[in-house]
Amino acid sequence: MQIGKIVQINNQQCFCLGILFLAISVVFLFYIYFTNAKTFTTAQELKNVKESNQYAKIEASVMTDYFAIHDYAGVEHKTYFIWDAKNVYLVDLNEETRKQLEEIYTYSYNTVDTNSPSSVTIKGIAKVIPKDLQLTAMSSLNKILEQDIVTEENSKDIFGIYYLDTFDTPMFYILEKFLIVLPTLSMGLFFFLLLFLKKRKTKKIKDIKQRKIHNA
């Protein structure tokens, strides 16, 4: 549809097209919400995650100091080993989450027998462990354990496939999904804007005619 032809449509057509595109946008929004709400509002156990970029959590009970640092989009990410009741995971901790784990961190390095603190739930986005991080984690954990237990063959059984990124949040992925409706939403707003401009132009023409009649 050419711009010239769009401008030539009447006010009723503008209104109907605006309503149509906005209605399509609303339908898409509801569809996106109801098909993705659970994925991005309910964190599942990291060990149960089946694909990357899922909202996940760990019940942290023991941890190490960070063993790797990498720069991501200008932000320094520090990666830690964190255990729940059974498994060990790789986790990128942001500063706020790291502070929440201070008691667990102190307990993990305490040489005196003390009561273990309550576990802390940490949440983030599950991401595939990159090869370089996998190799660094293997070497680091073997040093901690003082045994060559972790190998490339069994590392997926020990660490899993995904690490937890607490710097990332579900909001980015929700907004990414909502961008799907941007074209239809823009078209709806365009036709309402066009309707407003056409009415404004019509009013100006009427005002000019009335002034001419009055001055005649």
C-alpha atoms as a PDB file:
ATOM      1  CA  MET A   1       0.000   0.000   0.000  1.00  0.00           C
ATOM      2  CA  GLN A   2       1.473   3.321  -1.114  1.00  0.00           C
ATOM      3  CA  ILE A   3       1.691   6.321   1.242  1.00  0.00           C
ATOM      4  CA  GLY A   4      -0.333   8.446  -1.150  1.00  0.00           C
ATOM      5  CA  LYS A   5      -3.207   5.952  -1.135  1.00  0.00           C
ATOM      6  CA  ILE A   6      -3.074   5.680   2.672  1.00  0.00           C
ATOM      7  CA  VAL A   7      -3.427   9.454   3.038  1.00  0.00           C
ATOM      8  CA  GLN A   8      -6.446   9.419   0.707  1.00  0.00           C
ATOM      9  CA  ILE A   9      -8.509   7.064   2.896  1.00  0.00           C
ATOM     10  CA  ASN A  10     -11.408   8.650   4.778  1.00  0.00           C
ATOM     11  CA  ASN A  11     -11.780   9.164   8.534  1.00  0.00           C
ATOM     12  CA  GLN A  12     -13.969   6.099   9.060  1.00  0.00           C
ATOM     13  CA  GLN A  13     -11.438   3.878   7.274  1.00  0.00           C
ATOM     14  CA  CYS A  14      -8.622   5.375   9.378  1.00  0.00           C
ATOM     15  CA  PHE A  15     -10.535   4.628  12.558  1.00  0.00           C
ATOM     16  CA  CYS A  16     -11.386   1.054  11.517  1.00  0.00           C
ATOM     17  CA  LEU A  17      -7.809   0.276  10.462  1.00  0.00           C
ATOM     18  CA  GLY A  18      -6.455   1.763  13.691  1.00  0.00           C
ATOM     19  CA  ILE A  19      -8.844  -0.389  15.757  1.00  0.00           C
ATOM     20  CA  LEU A  20      -7.985  -3.464  13.666  1.00  0.00           C
ATOM     21  CA  PHE A  21      -4.209  -3.176  14.137  1.00  0.00           C
ATOM     22  CA  LEU A  22      -4.532  -2.356  17.841  1.00  0.00           C
ATOM     23  CA  ALA A  23      -6.853  -5.345  18.312  1.00  0.00           C
ATOM     24  CA  ILE A  24      -4.312  -7.606  16.582  1.00  0.00           C
ATOM     25  CA  SER A  25      -1.614  -6.206  18.894  1.00  0.00           C
ATOM     26  CA  VAL A  26      -3.718  -6.941  21.984  1.00  0.00           C
ATOM     27  CA  VAL A  27      -4.352 -10.518  20.817  1.00  0.00           C
ATOM     28  CA  PHE A  28      -0.618 -11.021  20.254  1.00  0.00           C
ATOM     29  CA  LEU A  29       0.174  -9.551  23.682  1.00  0.00           C
ATOM     30  CA  PHE A  30      -2.237 -11.912  25.437  1.00  0.00           C
ATOM     31  CA  TYR A  31      -0.888 -14.866  23.460  1.00  0.00           C
ATOM     32  CA  ILE A  32       2.722 -13.997  24.334  1.00  0.00           C
ATOM     33  CA  TYR A  33       1.840 -13.470  27.991  1.00  0.00           C
ATOM     34  CA  PHE A  34      -0.096 -16.703  28.477  1.00  0.00           C
ATOM     35  CA  THR A  35       2.427 -18.837  26.562  1.00  0.00           C
ATOM     36  CA  ASN A  36       5.490 -17.372  28.328  1.00  0.00           C
ATOM     37  CA  ALA A  37       4.266 -16.206  31.746  1.00  0.00           C
ATOM     38  CA  LYS A  38       5.202 -19.400  33.554  1.00  0.00           C
ATOM     39  CA  THR A  39       8.604 -19.601  31.861  1.00  0.00           C
ATOM     40  CA  PHE A  40       9.644 -16.110  32.918  1.00  0.00           C
ATOM     41  CA  THR A  41       7.890 -15.764  36.271  1.00  0.00           C
ATOM     42  CA  THR A  42       8.532 -19.169  37.860  1.00  0.00           C
ATOM     43  CA  ALA A  43      12.175 -20.118  38.353  1.00  0.00           C
ATOM     44  CA  GLN A  44      12.867 -23.829  37.986  1.00  0.00           C
ATOM     45  CA  GLU A  45      15.747 -25.762  39.503  1.00  0.00           C
ATOM     46  CA  LEU A  46      18.853 -25.280  37.382  1.00  0.00           C
ATOM     47  CA  LYS A  47      19.394 -29.038  37.254  1.00  0.00           C
ATOM     48  CA  ASN A  48      15.970 -29.413  35.584  1.00  0.00           C
ATOM     49  CA  VAL A  49      16.476 -26.763  32.897  1.00  0.00           C
ATOM     50  CA  LYS A  50      16.096 -28.145  29.372  1.00  0.00           C
ATOM     51  CA  GLU A  51      17.163 -25.155  27.269  1.00  0.00           C
ATOM     52  CA  SER A  52      19.165 -21.953  27.590  1.00  0.00           C
ATOM     53  CA  ASN A  53      17.755 -18.535  28.587  1.00  0.00           C
ATOM     54  CA  GLN A  54      15.324 -20.071  31.077  1.00  0.00           C
ATOM     55  CA  TYR A  55      14.602 -18.512  34.469  1.00  0.00           C
ATOM     56  CA  ALA A  56      16.315 -20.778  37.015  1.00  0.00           C
ATOM     57  CA  LYS A  57      17.337 -21.028  40.657  1.00  0.00           C
ATOM     58  CA  ILE A  58      19.703 -22.804  43.035  1.00  0.00           C
ATOM     59  CA  GLU A  59      19.282 -23.452  46.762  1.00  0.00           C
ATOM     60  CA  ALA A  60      22.829 -22.459  47.713  1.00  0.00           C
ATOM     61  CA  SER A  61      24.308 -24.164  50.766  1.00  0.00           C
ATOM     62  CA  VAL A  62      28.101 -24.152  50.167  1.00  0.00           C
ATOM     63  CA  MET A  63      30.305 -22.062  47.886  1.00  0.00           C
ATOM     64  CA  THR A  64      33.876 -21.216  46.945  1.00  0.00           C
ATOM     65  CA  ASP A  65      35.532 -17.948  46.142  1.00  0.00           C
ATOM     66  CA  TYR A  66      35.401 -16.976  42.467  1.00  0.00           C
ATOM     67  CA  PHE A  67      37.657 -18.987  40.188  1.00  0.00           C
ATOM     68  CA  ALA A  68      37.152 -17.112  36.901  1.00  0.00           C
ATOM     69  CA  ILE A  69      36.622 -13.549  35.734  1.00  0.00           C
ATOM     70  CA  HIS A  70      35.390 -12.493  32.333  1.00  0.00           C
ATOM     71  CA  ASP A  71      34.168  -9.258  30.813  1.00  0.00           C
ATOM     72  CA  TYR A  72      30.667  -9.227  29.386  1.00  0.00           C
ATOM     73  CA  ALA A  73      29.484  -6.046  27.660  1.00  0.00           C
ATOM     74  CA  GLY A  74      31.841  -3.996  29.821  1.00  0.00           C
ATOM     75  CA  VAL A  75      30.689  -5.623  33.074  1.00  0.00           C
ATOM     76  CA  GLU A  76      33.034  -7.817  35.111  1.00  0.00           C
ATOM     77  CA  HIS A  77      31.525 -11.235  35.815  1.00  0.00           C
ATOM     78  CA  LYS A  78      32.997 -13.446  38.535  1.00  0.00           C
ATOM     79  CA  THR A  79      32.190 -17.153  38.419  1.00  0.00           C
ATOM     80  CA  TYR A  80      31.870 -19.273  41.566  1.00  0.00           C
ATOM     81  CA  PHE A  81      31.312 -22.916  42.443  1.00  0.00           C
ATOM     82  CA  ILE A  82      28.070 -23.230  44.407  1.00  0.00           C
ATOM     83  CA  TRP A  83      26.562 -26.403  45.840  1.00  0.00           C
ATOM     84  CA  ASP A  84      22.997 -27.214  46.761  1.00  0.00           C
ATOM     85  CA  ALA A  85      22.246 -30.297  48.832  1.00  0.00           C
ATOM     86  CA  LYS A  86      23.602 -32.631  46.139  1.00  0.00           C
ATOM     87  CA  ASN A  87      25.110 -30.927  43.106  1.00  0.00           C
ATOM     88  CA  VAL A  88      27.759 -28.349  42.227  1.00  0.00           C
ATOM     89  CA  TYR A  89      27.017 -25.542  39.766  1.00  0.00           C
ATOM     90  CA  LEU A  90      28.840 -22.713  38.045  1.00  0.00           C
ATOM     91  CA  VAL A  91      27.347 -19.336  38.910  1.00  0.00           C
ATOM     92  CA  ASP A  92      28.079 -15.763  37.847  1.00  0.00           C
ATOM     93  CA  LEU A  93      27.234 -13.715  40.934  1.00  0.00           C
ATOM     94  CA  ASN A  94      26.330 -10.053  40.818  1.00  0.00           C
ATOM     95  CA  GLU A  95      27.310  -7.909  43.782  1.00  0.00           C
ATOM     96  CA  GLU A  96      23.896  -7.941  45.462  1.00  0.00           C
ATOM     97  CA  THR A  97      23.544 -11.721  45.268  1.00  0.00           C
ATOM     98  CA  ARG A  98      27.121 -12.177  46.474  1.00  0.00           C
ATOM     99  CA  LYS A  99      26.281 -10.167  49.620  1.00  0.00           C
ATOM    100  CA  GLN A 100      23.262 -12.381  50.277  1.00  0.00           C
ATOM    101  CA  LEU A 101      25.636 -15.365  50.358  1.00  0.00           C
ATOM    102  CA  GLU A 102      28.150 -13.878  52.786  1.00  0.00           C
ATOM    103  CA  GLU A 103      27.099 -16.115  55.673  1.00  0.00           C
ATOM    104  CA  ILE A 104      27.352 -19.210  53.463  1.00  0.00           C
ATOM    105  CA  TYR A 105      30.723 -18.071  52.131  1.00  0.00           C
ATOM    106  CA  THR A 106      32.073 -17.620  55.676  1.00  0.00           C
ATOM    107  CA  TYR A 107      30.727 -21.016  56.705  1.00  0.00           C
ATOM    108  CA  SER A 108      32.271 -22.687  53.654  1.00  0.00           C
ATOM    109  CA  TYR A 109      35.774 -21.558  54.634  1.00  0.00           C
ATOM    110  CA  ASN A 110      35.369 -21.886  58.400  1.00  0.00           C
ATOM    111  CA  THR A 111      37.767 -24.473  59.852  1.00  0.00           C
ATOM    112  CA  VAL A 112      35.821 -24.623  63.126  1.00  0.00           C
ATOM    113  CA  ASP A 113      32.730 -26.823  63.354  1.00  0.00           C
ATOM    114  CA  THR A 114      29.675 -24.594  63.374  1.00  0.00           C
ATOM    115  CA  ASN A 115      26.031 -25.017  62.520  1.00  0.00           C
ATOM    116  CA  SER A 116      25.409 -24.662  58.826  1.00  0.00           C
ATOM    117  CA  PRO A 117      23.408 -21.564  57.848  1.00  0.00           C
ATOM    118  CA  SER A 118      20.095 -21.817  56.069  1.00  0.00           C
ATOM    119  CA  SER A 119      20.330 -22.244  52.321  1.00  0.00           C
ATOM    120  CA  VAL A 120      19.778 -19.164  50.181  1.00  0.00           C
ATOM    121  CA  THR A 121      17.754 -19.210  46.960  1.00  0.00           C
ATOM    122  CA  ILE A 122      19.573 -17.436  44.151  1.00  0.00           C
ATOM    123  CA  LYS A 123      17.927 -16.803  40.783  1.00  0.00           C
ATOM    124  CA  GLY A 124      19.077 -15.898  37.313  1.00  0.00           C
ATOM    125  CA  ILE A 125      19.096 -17.018  33.700  1.00  0.00           C
ATOM    126  CA  ALA A 126      20.413 -20.431  32.671  1.00  0.00           C
ATOM    127  CA  LYS A 127      23.047 -20.252  29.932  1.00  0.00           C
ATOM    128  CA  VAL A 128      25.128 -22.849  28.168  1.00  0.00           C
ATOM    129  CA  ILE A 129      28.576 -23.236  29.739  1.00  0.00           C
ATOM    130  CA  PRO A 130      31.132 -22.009  27.162  1.00  0.00           C
ATOM    131  CA  LYS A 131      34.113 -24.220  26.392  1.00  0.00           C
ATOM    132  CA  ASP A 132      36.717 -21.930  27.974  1.00  0.00           C
ATOM    133  CA  LEU A 133      34.721 -21.684  31.214  1.00  0.00           C
ATOM    134  CA  GLN A 134      34.247 -25.457  31.245  1.00  0.00           C
ATOM    135  CA  LEU A 135      38.020 -26.044  31.003  1.00  0.00           C
ATOM    136  CA  THR A 136      38.773 -23.439  33.674  1.00  0.00           C
ATOM    137  CA  ALA A 137      36.151 -24.961  35.986  1.00  0.00           C
ATOM    138  CA  MET A 138      37.579 -28.459  35.489  1.00  0.00           C
ATOM    139  CA  SER A 139      41.089 -27.332  36.395  1.00  0.00           C
ATOM    140  CA  SER A 140      39.926 -25.214  39.345  1.00  0.00           C
ATOM    141  CA  LEU A 141      37.701 -27.858  40.917  1.00  0.00           C
ATOM    142  CA  ASN A 142      40.414 -30.499  40.573  1.00  0.00           C
ATOM    143  CA  LYS A 143      42.772 -28.188  42.459  1.00  0.00           C
ATOM    144  CA  ILE A 144      40.191 -27.649  45.209  1.00  0.00           C
ATOM    145  CA  LEU A 145      39.578 -31.387  45.522  1.00  0.00           C
ATOM    146  CA  GLU A 146      43.302 -32.109  45.148  1.00  0.00           C
ATOM    147  CA  GLN A 147      42.396 -34.901  42.749  1.00  0.00           C
ATOM    148  CA  ASP A 148      41.929 -35.146  38.983  1.00  0.00           C
ATOM    149  CA  ILE A 149      38.298 -36.118  39.259  1.00  0.00           C
ATOM    150  CA  VAL A 150      36.731 -33.823  36.657  1.00  0.00           C
ATOM    151  CA  THR A 151      37.498 -34.562  33.002  1.00  0.00           C
ATOM    152  CA  GLU A 152      36.012 -33.416  29.702  1.00  0.00           C
ATOM    153  CA  GLU A 153      34.164 -36.718  29.523  1.00  0.00           C
ATOM    154  CA  ASN A 154      32.386 -36.395  32.889  1.00  0.00           C
ATOM    155  CA  SER A 155      32.251 -32.614  33.355  1.00  0.00           C
ATOM    156  CA  LYS A 156      28.676 -32.399  32.058  1.00  0.00           C
ATOM    157  CA  ASP A 157      27.640 -34.987  34.632  1.00  0.00           C
ATOM    158  CA  ILE A 158      29.271 -32.922  37.399  1.00  0.00           C
ATOM    159  CA  PHE A 159      28.553 -29.309  36.367  1.00  0.00           C
ATOM    160  CA  GLY A 160      25.633 -29.891  34.056  1.00  0.00           C
ATOM    161  CA  ILE A 161      25.231 -28.141  30.710  1.00  0.00           C
ATOM    162  CA  TYR A 162      24.144 -24.733  32.018  1.00  0.00           C
ATOM    163  CA  TYR A 163      25.536 -22.158  34.404  1.00  0.00           C
ATOM    164  CA  LEU A 164      23.465 -19.581  36.286  1.00  0.00           C
ATOM    165  CA  ASP A 165      23.892 -15.919  35.366  1.00  0.00           C
ATOM    166  CA  THR A 166      22.521 -13.715  38.166  1.00  0.00           C
ATOM    167  CA  PHE A 167      23.409 -10.556  36.221  1.00  0.00           C
ATOM    168  CA  ASP A 168      20.682 -11.389  33.724  1.00  0.00           C
ATOM    169  CA  THR A 169      16.942 -11.178  34.422  1.00  0.00           C
ATOM    170  CA  PRO A 170      13.787 -12.485  32.717  1.00  0.00           C
ATOM    171  CA  MET A 171      12.716  -8.901  31.897  1.00  0.00           C
ATOM    172  CA  PHE A 172      15.049  -8.688  28.886  1.00  0.00           C
ATOM    173  CA  TYR A 173      13.565 -11.831  27.359  1.00  0.00           C
ATOM    174  CA  ILE A 174      10.004 -10.727  28.098  1.00  0.00           C
ATOM    175  CA  LEU A 175      10.615  -7.415  26.317  1.00  0.00           C
ATOM    176  CA  GLU A 176      12.244  -9.289  23.443  1.00  0.00           C
ATOM    177  CA  LYS A 177       9.055 -11.329  23.026  1.00  0.00           C
ATOM    178  CA  PHE A 178       6.872  -8.222  23.182  1.00  0.00           C
ATOM    179  CA  LEU A 179       8.833  -6.637  20.302  1.00  0.00           C
ATOM    180  CA  ILE A 180       6.908  -9.008  18.034  1.00  0.00           C
ATOM    181  CA  VAL A 181       3.819  -6.789  18.365  1.00  0.00           C
ATOM    182  CA  LEU A 182       5.693  -3.574  17.596  1.00  0.00           C
ATOM    183  CA  PRO A 183       4.861  -3.516  13.848  1.00  0.00           C
ATOM    184  CA  THR A 184       1.097  -3.966  14.321  1.00  0.00           C
ATOM    185  CA  LEU A 185       1.049  -1.605  17.303  1.00  0.00           C
ATOM    186  CA  SER A 186       2.896   1.028  15.250  1.00  0.00           C
ATOM    187  CA  MET A 187       0.422   0.673  12.393  1.00  0.00           C
ATOM    188  CA  GLY A 188      -2.505   1.101  14.760  1.00  0.00           C
ATOM    189  CA  LEU A 189      -1.008   4.261  16.240  1.00  0.00           C
ATOM    190  CA  PHE A 190      -0.139   5.509  12.746  1.00  0.00           C
ATOM    191  CA  PHE A 191      -3.758   5.334  11.590  1.00  0.00           C
ATOM    192  CA  PHE A 192      -5.006   7.096  14.721  1.00  0.00           C
ATOM    193  CA  LEU A 193      -2.366   9.794  14.226  1.00  0.00           C
ATOM    194  CA  LEU A 194      -3.432  10.105  10.595  1.00  0.00           C
ATOM    195  CA  LEU A 195      -7.060  10.387  11.704  1.00  0.00           C
ATOM    196  CA  PHE A 196      -6.124  13.154  14.142  1.00  0.00           C
ATOM    197  CA  LEU A 197      -4.194  15.066  11.461  1.00  0.00           C
ATOM    198  CA  LYS A 198      -6.984  14.708   8.906  1.00  0.00           C
ATOM    199  CA  LYS A 199      -9.560  15.998  11.393  1.00  0.00           C
ATOM    200  CA  ARG A 200      -7.267  18.867  12.312  1.00  0.00           C
ATOM    201  CA  LYS A 201      -6.792  19.745   8.649  1.00  0.00           C
ATOM    202  CA  THR A 202     -10.547  19.564   8.037  1.00  0.00           C
ATOM    203  CA  LYS A 203     -11.178  21.893  10.991  1.00  0.00           C
ATOM    204  CA  LYS A 204      -8.640  24.406   9.658  1.00  0.00           C
ATOM    205  CA  ILE A 205     -10.285  24.361   6.227  1.00  0.00           C
ATOM    206  CA  LYS A 206     -13.716  24.962   7.831  1.00  0.00           C
ATOM    207  CA  ASP A 207     -12.314  27.831   9.914  1.00  0.00           C
ATOM    208  CA  ILE A 208     -10.805  29.443   6.808  1.00  0.00           C
ATOM    209  CA  LYS A 209     -14.090  29.137   4.905  1.00  0.00           C
ATOM    210  CA  GLN A 210     -16.040  30.620   7.810  1.00  0.00           C
ATOM    211  CA  ARG A 211     -13.652  33.587   8.007  1.00  0.00           C
ATOM    212  CA  LYS A 212     -14.013  34.173   4.280  1.00  0.00           C
ATOM    213  CA  ILE A 213     -17.821  34.082   4.575  1.00  0.00           C
ATOM    214  CA  HIS A 214     -17.690  36.434   7.551  1.00  0.00           C
ATOM    215  CA  ASN A 215     -15.393  38.884   5.735  1.00  0.00           C
ATOM    216  CA  ALA A 216     -17.428  38.804   2.506  1.00  0.00           C
END
